[in-house]
Amino acid sequence: MIIVLIGYMASGKSTLGKILAKKLHYNFIDLDDYIEEKENTTISDIFKTKGEIYFRKKETYYLNDLLNTKSKLILSLGGGTPCYSNNMQTILKTNNAVSIYLKAAISTLISRLKNEKAKRPLIAHIETEDELAEFIGKHLFERAQFYNQAETIITTDGKTESDIIEELVLKLF
């Protein structure tokens, strides 16, 4: 089975994915890290040198590549991955894949993102928490139609990593 984790940046996809993979004895792959490894460059550099369209094509290519694997896999997607190139439909139609939306409130996302803006090119230019809230709110509004198609939705606000992992395992098995 392939467990596909979707959600906005800082929703916990990579952190929880690694914990879940260890608990279930699955492999863990972060799609962005996988793309960087395969393309031998960073996502930021791909955007700068080849543009977003090139990136989105590669993202879809590598997503399909991973969805066709037969191994037990936890796959953490980039926040935008479900929203492009019919990727969400591809995930939903993959027989051995299950999609989980890790849903976090804007306030939760702000508290996680405000101190790591430098590491996140998409929000590095944002100066105030109000601007960050507006940016996240707009993005979530645009992306909700894709995220909400996930087979399972787990709300992460106010929960410990252990609580979320326990809830994930109960919903999966």
N, C-alpha and C. Protein backbone atom coordinates (compact mmCIF):
# COMPACT_ATOMS: atom_id res chain seq x y z
N MET A 1 0.84 -1.18 0.00
CA MET A 1 0.00 0.00 0.00
C MET A 1 0.88 1.25 0.00
N ILE A 2 0.39 2.28 -0.69
CA ILE A 2 1.05 3.57 -0.69
C ILE A 2 0.14 4.55 0.05
N ILE A 3 0.66 5.15 1.10
CA ILE A 3 -0.09 6.13 1.88
C ILE A 3 0.41 7.50 1.45
N VAL A 4 -0.49 8.27 0.82
CA VAL A 4 -0.13 9.57 0.27
C VAL A 4 -0.61 10.66 1.22
N LEU A 5 0.34 11.43 1.75
CA LEU A 5 0.02 12.51 2.68
C LEU A 5 -0.03 13.83 1.91
N ILE A 6 -1.18 14.50 2.01
CA ILE A 6 -1.33 15.80 1.35
C ILE A 6 -1.70 16.86 2.39
N GLY A 7 -1.48 18.10 2.03
CA GLY A 7 -1.81 19.20 2.92
C GLY A 7 -0.91 20.38 2.64
N TYR A 8 -1.21 21.48 3.29
CA TYR A 8 -0.47 22.71 3.09
C TYR A 8 0.93 22.59 3.70
N MET A 9 1.84 23.48 3.29
CA MET A 9 3.17 23.46 3.89
C MET A 9 3.05 23.64 5.40
N ALA A 10 3.86 22.92 6.13
CA ALA A 10 3.88 22.93 7.60
C ALA A 10 2.69 22.23 8.23
N SER A 11 1.96 21.44 7.44
CA SER A 11 0.83 20.70 8.02
C SER A 11 1.30 19.43 8.73
N GLY A 12 2.57 19.06 8.53
CA GLY A 12 3.12 17.90 9.22
C GLY A 12 3.36 16.69 8.33
N LYS A 13 3.25 16.86 7.03
CA LYS A 13 3.36 15.72 6.12
C LYS A 13 4.68 14.97 6.26
N SER A 14 5.78 15.69 6.26
CA SER A 14 7.09 15.02 6.34
C SER A 14 7.38 14.50 7.74
N THR A 15 7.14 15.33 8.74
CA THR A 15 7.39 14.92 10.12
C THR A 15 6.57 13.68 10.48
N LEU A 16 5.26 13.75 10.25
CA LEU A 16 4.39 12.63 10.59
C LEU A 16 4.63 11.44 9.67
N GLY A 17 4.95 11.72 8.41
CA GLY A 17 5.22 10.64 7.46
C GLY A 17 6.39 9.78 7.89
N LYS A 18 7.45 10.42 8.36
CA LYS A 18 8.63 9.68 8.82
C LYS A 18 8.29 8.82 10.04
N ILE A 19 7.52 9.38 10.97
CA ILE A 19 7.13 8.63 12.18
C ILE A 19 6.24 7.45 11.80
N LEU A 20 5.27 7.70 10.93
CA LEU A 20 4.35 6.65 10.49
C LEU A 20 5.10 5.55 9.74
N ALA A 21 6.02 5.94 8.89
CA ALA A 21 6.80 4.95 8.13
C ALA A 21 7.59 4.03 9.07
N LYS A 22 8.20 4.63 10.08
CA LYS A 22 8.96 3.84 11.05
C LYS A 22 8.04 2.88 11.81
N LYS A 23 6.88 3.39 12.22
CA LYS A 23 5.93 2.58 12.98
C LYS A 23 5.40 1.39 12.15
N LEU A 24 5.13 1.64 10.87
CA LEU A 24 4.53 0.61 10.00
C LEU A 24 5.58 -0.21 9.24
N HIS A 25 6.85 0.15 9.37
CA HIS A 25 7.93 -0.49 8.62
C HIS A 25 7.74 -0.29 7.12
N TYR A 26 7.39 0.94 6.74
CA TYR A 26 7.24 1.35 5.35
C TYR A 26 8.44 2.22 4.98
N ASN A 27 8.66 2.38 3.69
CA ASN A 27 9.64 3.36 3.22
C ASN A 27 8.98 4.74 3.27
N PHE A 28 9.79 5.77 3.44
CA PHE A 28 9.28 7.14 3.42
C PHE A 28 9.96 7.91 2.30
N ILE A 29 9.15 8.61 1.50
CA ILE A 29 9.69 9.49 0.47
C ILE A 29 8.95 10.81 0.51
N ASP A 30 9.72 11.89 0.58
CA ASP A 30 9.19 13.24 0.42
C ASP A 30 9.34 13.55 -1.07
N LEU A 31 8.24 13.84 -1.77
CA LEU A 31 8.29 14.03 -3.22
C LEU A 31 9.26 15.14 -3.62
N ASP A 32 9.27 16.24 -2.88
CA ASP A 32 10.20 17.33 -3.22
C ASP A 32 11.65 16.88 -3.12
N ASP A 33 11.98 16.14 -2.06
CA ASP A 33 13.35 15.61 -1.91
C ASP A 33 13.69 14.65 -3.04
N TYR A 34 12.72 13.83 -3.42
CA TYR A 34 12.89 12.85 -4.50
C TYR A 34 13.17 13.58 -5.82
N ILE A 35 12.41 14.64 -6.09
CA ILE A 35 12.61 15.42 -7.31
C ILE A 35 14.00 16.04 -7.31
N GLU A 36 14.40 16.62 -6.17
CA GLU A 36 15.73 17.23 -6.08
C GLU A 36 16.82 16.20 -6.35
N GLU A 37 16.65 15.01 -5.81
CA GLU A 37 17.64 13.95 -6.02
C GLU A 37 17.70 13.55 -7.49
N LYS A 38 16.54 13.33 -8.10
CA LYS A 38 16.48 12.89 -9.50
C LYS A 38 16.96 13.97 -10.47
N GLU A 39 16.65 15.22 -10.17
CA GLU A 39 17.03 16.33 -11.04
C GLU A 39 18.41 16.89 -10.70
N ASN A 40 18.97 16.43 -9.59
CA ASN A 40 20.30 16.85 -9.14
C ASN A 40 20.41 18.38 -8.94
N THR A 41 19.35 18.95 -8.40
CA THR A 41 19.31 20.38 -8.09
C THR A 41 18.18 20.64 -7.10
N THR A 42 18.09 21.86 -6.60
CA THR A 42 17.03 22.18 -5.64
C THR A 42 15.75 22.61 -6.36
N ILE A 43 14.64 22.51 -5.66
CA ILE A 43 13.36 22.97 -6.21
C ILE A 43 13.46 24.46 -6.54
N SER A 44 14.06 25.23 -5.65
CA SER A 44 14.22 26.68 -5.89
C SER A 44 14.96 26.93 -7.19
N ASP A 45 16.04 26.17 -7.43
CA ASP A 45 16.81 26.35 -8.66
C ASP A 45 16.03 25.91 -9.90
N ILE A 46 15.22 24.86 -9.75
CA ILE A 46 14.38 24.45 -10.88
C ILE A 46 13.43 25.59 -11.25
N PHE A 47 12.79 26.18 -10.23
CA PHE A 47 11.88 27.30 -10.48
C PHE A 47 12.62 28.47 -11.14
N LYS A 48 13.83 28.78 -10.65
CA LYS A 48 14.59 29.92 -11.17
C LYS A 48 15.08 29.69 -12.59
N THR A 49 15.60 28.50 -12.86
CA THR A 49 16.26 28.27 -14.15
C THR A 49 15.34 27.70 -15.23
N LYS A 50 14.35 26.90 -14.82
CA LYS A 50 13.51 26.24 -15.83
C LYS A 50 12.04 26.61 -15.72
N GLY A 51 11.65 27.22 -14.60
CA GLY A 51 10.28 27.70 -14.46
C GLY A 51 9.33 26.71 -13.81
N GLU A 52 8.18 27.25 -13.41
CA GLU A 52 7.18 26.43 -12.71
C GLU A 52 6.57 25.36 -13.61
N ILE A 53 6.35 25.66 -14.88
CA ILE A 53 5.73 24.67 -15.77
C ILE A 53 6.61 23.43 -15.88
N TYR A 54 7.91 23.64 -16.05
CA TYR A 54 8.85 22.51 -16.09
C TYR A 54 8.76 21.73 -14.78
N PHE A 55 8.78 22.46 -13.65
CA PHE A 55 8.72 21.79 -12.35
C PHE A 55 7.45 20.95 -12.22
N ARG A 56 6.30 21.53 -12.58
CA ARG A 56 5.03 20.81 -12.43
C ARG A 56 4.98 19.57 -13.31
N LYS A 57 5.58 19.64 -14.49
CA LYS A 57 5.64 18.45 -15.37
C LYS A 57 6.49 17.36 -14.72
N LYS A 58 7.64 17.74 -14.18
CA LYS A 58 8.51 16.77 -13.52
C LYS A 58 7.85 16.21 -12.26
N GLU A 59 7.17 17.07 -11.51
CA GLU A 59 6.46 16.66 -10.30
C GLU A 59 5.44 15.57 -10.64
N THR A 60 4.67 15.77 -11.68
CA THR A 60 3.67 14.79 -12.11
C THR A 60 4.34 13.50 -12.58
N TYR A 61 5.42 13.64 -13.34
CA TYR A 61 6.15 12.47 -13.82
C TYR A 61 6.64 11.61 -12.65
N TYR A 62 7.29 12.24 -11.68
CA TYR A 62 7.84 11.49 -10.54
C TYR A 62 6.74 10.96 -9.62
N LEU A 63 5.65 11.71 -9.47
CA LEU A 63 4.51 11.22 -8.69
C LEU A 63 3.98 9.93 -9.31
N ASN A 64 3.77 9.93 -10.62
CA ASN A 64 3.28 8.73 -11.31
C ASN A 64 4.26 7.58 -11.17
N ASP A 65 5.53 7.89 -11.27
CA ASP A 65 6.58 6.89 -11.11
C ASP A 65 6.47 6.21 -9.74
N LEU A 66 6.31 7.02 -8.70
CA LEU A 66 6.22 6.48 -7.33
C LEU A 66 4.89 5.75 -7.09
N LEU A 67 3.81 6.24 -7.67
CA LEU A 67 2.51 5.58 -7.49
C LEU A 67 2.47 4.20 -8.16
N ASN A 68 3.37 3.96 -9.09
CA ASN A 68 3.43 2.67 -9.77
C ASN A 68 4.32 1.66 -9.08
N THR A 69 4.89 2.06 -7.95
CA THR A 69 5.75 1.15 -7.21
C THR A 69 4.88 0.14 -6.44
N LYS A 70 5.44 -0.98 -6.17
CA LYS A 70 4.70 -2.02 -5.43
C LYS A 70 5.13 -2.09 -3.96
N SER A 71 6.05 -1.21 -3.56
CA SER A 71 6.54 -1.28 -2.19
C SER A 71 5.59 -0.59 -1.21
N LYS A 72 5.77 -0.89 0.05
CA LYS A 72 5.03 -0.21 1.11
C LYS A 72 5.67 1.14 1.29
N LEU A 73 4.88 2.19 1.06
CA LEU A 73 5.45 3.52 0.97
C LEU A 73 4.56 4.58 1.61
N ILE A 74 5.19 5.46 2.37
CA ILE A 74 4.54 6.69 2.82
C ILE A 74 5.11 7.77 1.92
N LEU A 75 4.24 8.46 1.20
CA LEU A 75 4.65 9.48 0.24
C LEU A 75 4.11 10.84 0.67
N SER A 76 5.01 11.74 1.01
CA SER A 76 4.65 13.10 1.41
C SER A 76 4.74 14.00 0.19
N LEU A 77 3.63 14.64 -0.17
CA LEU A 77 3.60 15.50 -1.35
C LEU A 77 3.89 16.95 -0.99
N GLY A 78 4.32 17.70 -1.98
CA GLY A 78 4.41 19.15 -1.82
C GLY A 78 3.00 19.71 -1.70
N GLY A 79 2.87 20.85 -1.06
CA GLY A 79 1.55 21.43 -0.84
C GLY A 79 0.74 21.66 -2.11
N GLY A 80 1.41 21.96 -3.21
CA GLY A 80 0.72 22.23 -4.46
C GLY A 80 0.49 21.01 -5.34
N THR A 81 1.16 19.92 -5.06
CA THR A 81 1.11 18.74 -5.94
C THR A 81 -0.31 18.28 -6.28
N PRO A 82 -1.24 18.18 -5.32
CA PRO A 82 -2.58 17.69 -5.67
C PRO A 82 -3.36 18.64 -6.59
N CYS A 83 -2.90 19.87 -6.72
CA CYS A 83 -3.66 20.91 -7.40
C CYS A 83 -3.31 21.06 -8.87
N TYR A 84 -2.37 20.30 -9.37
CA TYR A 84 -1.91 20.47 -10.75
C TYR A 84 -1.98 19.16 -11.53
N SER A 85 -2.11 19.28 -12.83
CA SER A 85 -1.97 18.16 -13.78
C SER A 85 -2.83 16.95 -13.45
N ASN A 86 -3.99 17.17 -12.86
CA ASN A 86 -4.88 16.07 -12.52
C ASN A 86 -4.25 15.09 -11.52
N ASN A 87 -3.27 15.56 -10.76
CA ASN A 87 -2.57 14.68 -9.82
C ASN A 87 -3.50 14.07 -8.77
N MET A 88 -4.45 14.85 -8.27
CA MET A 88 -5.35 14.32 -7.23
C MET A 88 -6.18 13.17 -7.80
N GLN A 89 -6.66 13.31 -9.02
CA GLN A 89 -7.44 12.23 -9.64
C GLN A 89 -6.57 10.99 -9.85
N THR A 90 -5.32 11.20 -10.22
CA THR A 90 -4.40 10.08 -10.41
C THR A 90 -4.21 9.34 -9.09
N ILE A 91 -4.03 10.08 -8.01
CA ILE A 91 -3.86 9.45 -6.69
C ILE A 91 -5.10 8.65 -6.32
N LEU A 92 -6.28 9.26 -6.50
CA LEU A 92 -7.54 8.60 -6.13
C LEU A 92 -7.81 7.35 -6.96
N LYS A 93 -7.31 7.33 -8.19
CA LYS A 93 -7.55 6.18 -9.08
C LYS A 93 -6.50 5.08 -8.93
N THR A 94 -5.45 5.35 -8.17
CA THR A 94 -4.40 4.35 -7.97
C THR A 94 -4.89 3.32 -6.96
N ASN A 95 -5.00 2.07 -7.41
CA ASN A 95 -5.61 0.99 -6.60
C ASN A 95 -4.94 0.76 -5.27
N ASN A 96 -3.62 0.81 -5.23
CA ASN A 96 -2.91 0.48 -3.99
C ASN A 96 -2.53 1.72 -3.19
N ALA A 97 -3.19 2.86 -3.48
CA ALA A 97 -2.87 4.11 -2.76
C ALA A 97 -4.07 4.59 -1.96
N VAL A 98 -3.78 5.19 -0.82
CA VAL A 98 -4.81 5.83 0.00
C VAL A 98 -4.32 7.24 0.30
N SER A 99 -5.22 8.21 0.17
CA SER A 99 -4.82 9.61 0.37
C SER A 99 -5.34 10.12 1.70
N ILE A 100 -4.47 10.87 2.38
CA ILE A 100 -4.81 11.44 3.69
C ILE A 100 -4.46 12.92 3.68
N TYR A 101 -5.45 13.74 3.97
CA TYR A 101 -5.26 15.19 4.07
C TYR A 101 -5.00 15.54 5.52
N LEU A 102 -3.82 16.05 5.80
CA LEU A 102 -3.48 16.54 7.14
C LEU A 102 -3.90 18.01 7.18
N LYS A 103 -5.02 18.24 7.80
CA LYS A 103 -5.65 19.56 7.80
C LYS A 103 -5.27 20.35 9.05
N ALA A 104 -4.76 21.56 8.82
CA ALA A 104 -4.38 22.43 9.93
C ALA A 104 -5.01 23.80 9.71
N ALA A 105 -5.43 24.42 10.79
CA ALA A 105 -6.03 25.75 10.73
C ALA A 105 -4.97 26.79 10.37
N ILE A 106 -5.42 27.91 9.84
CA ILE A 106 -4.51 28.99 9.47
C ILE A 106 -3.64 29.40 10.66
N SER A 107 -4.25 29.51 11.84
CA SER A 107 -3.48 29.92 13.03
C SER A 107 -2.37 28.91 13.36
N THR A 108 -2.65 27.63 13.18
CA THR A 108 -1.65 26.59 13.41
C THR A 108 -0.51 26.72 12.40
N LEU A 109 -0.87 26.91 11.15
CA LEU A 109 0.13 27.04 10.09
C LEU A 109 1.00 28.27 10.29
N ILE A 110 0.39 29.39 10.70
CA ILE A 110 1.15 30.61 10.97
C ILE A 110 2.17 30.36 12.07
N SER A 111 1.74 29.72 13.16
CA SER A 111 2.66 29.50 14.28
C SER A 111 3.82 28.60 13.87
N ARG A 112 3.59 27.69 12.94
CA ARG A 112 4.67 26.81 12.48
C ARG A 112 5.56 27.47 11.44
N LEU A 113 4.99 28.36 10.63
CA LEU A 113 5.73 28.95 9.51
C LEU A 113 6.43 30.27 9.80
N LYS A 114 5.95 31.01 10.78
CA LYS A 114 6.46 32.38 10.97
C LYS A 114 7.96 32.44 11.25
N ASN A 115 8.52 31.40 11.84
CA ASN A 115 9.96 31.41 12.16
C ASN A 115 10.81 30.63 11.17
N GLU A 116 10.19 30.11 10.13
CA GLU A 116 10.99 29.37 9.15
C GLU A 116 10.76 29.87 7.73
N LYS A 117 10.39 31.14 7.62
CA LYS A 117 10.13 31.73 6.30
C LYS A 117 11.36 31.66 5.39
N ALA A 118 12.53 31.82 5.93
CA ALA A 118 13.75 31.80 5.13
C ALA A 118 13.94 30.46 4.42
N LYS A 119 13.45 29.38 5.03
CA LYS A 119 13.58 28.04 4.46
C LYS A 119 12.50 27.75 3.43
N ARG A 120 11.53 28.64 3.32
CA ARG A 120 10.36 28.41 2.45
C ARG A 120 10.27 29.53 1.42
N PRO A 121 10.80 29.29 0.22
CA PRO A 121 10.85 30.35 -0.80
C PRO A 121 9.49 30.98 -1.11
N LEU A 122 8.44 30.21 -1.02
CA LEU A 122 7.10 30.71 -1.33
C LEU A 122 6.65 31.83 -0.40
N ILE A 123 7.15 31.82 0.84
CA ILE A 123 6.72 32.83 1.82
C ILE A 123 7.85 33.70 2.35
N ALA A 124 9.04 33.53 1.80
CA ALA A 124 10.22 34.26 2.30
C ALA A 124 10.04 35.78 2.23
N HIS A 125 9.28 36.24 1.27
CA HIS A 125 9.09 37.68 1.05
C HIS A 125 8.04 38.30 1.99
N ILE A 126 7.28 37.49 2.69
CA ILE A 126 6.19 37.98 3.53
C ILE A 126 6.75 38.51 4.84
N GLU A 127 6.35 39.73 5.18
CA GLU A 127 6.97 40.38 6.34
C GLU A 127 6.17 40.28 7.64
N THR A 128 4.85 40.39 7.59
CA THR A 128 4.07 40.41 8.84
C THR A 128 3.20 39.17 8.97
N GLU A 129 2.77 38.90 10.20
CA GLU A 129 1.89 37.77 10.44
C GLU A 129 0.54 37.95 9.74
N ASP A 130 0.06 39.21 9.66
CA ASP A 130 -1.19 39.47 8.96
C ASP A 130 -1.08 39.12 7.48
N GLU A 131 0.05 39.51 6.87
CA GLU A 131 0.28 39.17 5.46
C GLU A 131 0.39 37.66 5.28
N LEU A 132 1.04 37.00 6.23
CA LEU A 132 1.17 35.55 6.18
C LEU A 132 -0.20 34.89 6.28
N ALA A 133 -1.03 35.38 7.19
CA ALA A 133 -2.39 34.85 7.35
C ALA A 133 -3.19 35.01 6.06
N GLU A 134 -3.07 36.17 5.44
CA GLU A 134 -3.80 36.43 4.19
C GLU A 134 -3.31 35.50 3.08
N PHE A 135 -2.00 35.34 2.99
CA PHE A 135 -1.40 34.47 1.98
C PHE A 135 -1.87 33.03 2.15
N ILE A 136 -1.77 32.52 3.37
CA ILE A 136 -2.17 31.14 3.66
C ILE A 136 -3.66 30.96 3.41
N GLY A 137 -4.46 31.91 3.89
CA GLY A 137 -5.91 31.83 3.70
C GLY A 137 -6.30 31.75 2.24
N LYS A 138 -5.68 32.59 1.42
CA LYS A 138 -5.95 32.59 -0.02
C LYS A 138 -5.56 31.26 -0.64
N HIS A 139 -4.37 30.78 -0.30
CA HIS A 139 -3.90 29.49 -0.82
C HIS A 139 -4.82 28.34 -0.41
N LEU A 140 -5.17 28.31 0.88
CA LEU A 140 -6.04 27.23 1.35
C LEU A 140 -7.39 27.26 0.66
N PHE A 141 -7.91 28.45 0.44
CA PHE A 141 -9.19 28.60 -0.27
C PHE A 141 -9.08 28.00 -1.67
N GLU A 142 -7.98 28.30 -2.36
CA GLU A 142 -7.77 27.78 -3.72
C GLU A 142 -7.54 26.27 -3.73
N ARG A 143 -6.87 25.77 -2.74
CA ARG A 143 -6.46 24.36 -2.74
C ARG A 143 -7.46 23.42 -2.06
N ALA A 144 -8.37 23.97 -1.28
CA ALA A 144 -9.31 23.14 -0.51
C ALA A 144 -10.07 22.15 -1.38
N GLN A 145 -10.46 22.58 -2.57
CA GLN A 145 -11.23 21.69 -3.45
C GLN A 145 -10.44 20.43 -3.81
N PHE A 146 -9.12 20.53 -3.82
CA PHE A 146 -8.28 19.36 -4.11
C PHE A 146 -8.01 18.57 -2.84
N TYR A 147 -7.59 19.27 -1.79
CA TYR A 147 -7.28 18.60 -0.53
C TYR A 147 -8.48 17.82 0.02
N ASN A 148 -9.66 18.40 -0.09
CA ASN A 148 -10.85 17.78 0.49
C ASN A 148 -11.33 16.54 -0.27
N GLN A 149 -10.70 16.23 -1.39
CA GLN A 149 -11.03 14.99 -2.11
C GLN A 149 -10.33 13.78 -1.51
N ALA A 150 -9.41 14.01 -0.60
CA ALA A 150 -8.67 12.90 0.02
C ALA A 150 -9.65 11.93 0.67
N GLU A 151 -9.27 10.67 0.67
CA GLU A 151 -10.13 9.63 1.23
C GLU A 151 -10.30 9.77 2.74
N THR A 152 -9.28 10.31 3.39
CA THR A 152 -9.33 10.52 4.84
C THR A 152 -8.83 11.92 5.14
N ILE A 153 -9.50 12.59 6.06
CA ILE A 153 -9.07 13.91 6.51
C ILE A 153 -8.80 13.84 8.00
N ILE A 154 -7.61 14.23 8.39
CA ILE A 154 -7.21 14.24 9.80
C ILE A 154 -6.92 15.70 10.17
N THR A 155 -7.65 16.20 11.15
CA THR A 155 -7.38 17.55 11.64
C THR A 155 -6.27 17.45 12.69
N THR A 156 -5.24 18.28 12.52
CA THR A 156 -4.06 18.16 13.37
C THR A 156 -3.97 19.20 14.48
N ASP A 157 -4.83 20.19 14.45
CA ASP A 157 -4.76 21.30 15.42
C ASP A 157 -4.87 20.79 16.86
N GLY A 158 -3.95 21.24 17.70
CA GLY A 158 -3.99 20.95 19.13
C GLY A 158 -3.72 19.50 19.49
N LYS A 159 -3.23 18.71 18.56
CA LYS A 159 -2.95 17.30 18.83
C LYS A 159 -1.44 17.07 18.83
N THR A 160 -1.01 16.11 19.63
CA THR A 160 0.40 15.73 19.63
C THR A 160 0.67 14.85 18.42
N GLU A 161 1.95 14.72 18.08
CA GLU A 161 2.33 13.82 16.98
C GLU A 161 1.83 12.41 17.27
N SER A 162 1.96 11.96 18.51
CA SER A 162 1.51 10.61 18.89
C SER A 162 0.02 10.43 18.67
N ASP A 163 -0.77 11.45 19.07
CA ASP A 163 -2.22 11.38 18.88
C ASP A 163 -2.58 11.28 17.40
N ILE A 164 -1.90 12.06 16.58
CA ILE A 164 -2.19 12.06 15.14
C ILE A 164 -1.81 10.71 14.53
N ILE A 165 -0.65 10.19 14.90
CA ILE A 165 -0.20 8.89 14.38
C ILE A 165 -1.20 7.80 14.78
N GLU A 166 -1.64 7.82 16.02
CA GLU A 166 -2.62 6.83 16.49
C GLU A 166 -3.91 6.93 15.67
N GLU A 167 -4.37 8.15 15.44
CA GLU A 167 -5.58 8.36 14.64
C GLU A 167 -5.38 7.87 13.20
N LEU A 168 -4.22 8.14 12.62
CA LEU A 168 -3.91 7.67 11.27
C LEU A 168 -3.96 6.15 11.19
N VAL A 169 -3.30 5.51 12.12
CA VAL A 169 -3.25 4.03 12.12
C VAL A 169 -4.66 3.46 12.26
N LEU A 170 -5.46 4.02 13.15
CA LEU A 170 -6.84 3.53 13.32
C LEU A 170 -7.67 3.70 12.06
N LYS A 171 -7.49 4.81 11.34
CA LYS A 171 -8.25 5.04 10.12
C LYS A 171 -7.76 4.16 8.96
N LEU A 172 -6.48 3.83 8.98
CA LEU A 172 -5.90 3.04 7.90
C LEU A 172 -6.18 1.55 8.01
N PHE A 173 -6.17 1.05 9.26
CA PHE A 173 -6.25 -0.40 9.43
C PHE A 173 -7.43 -0.78 10.24
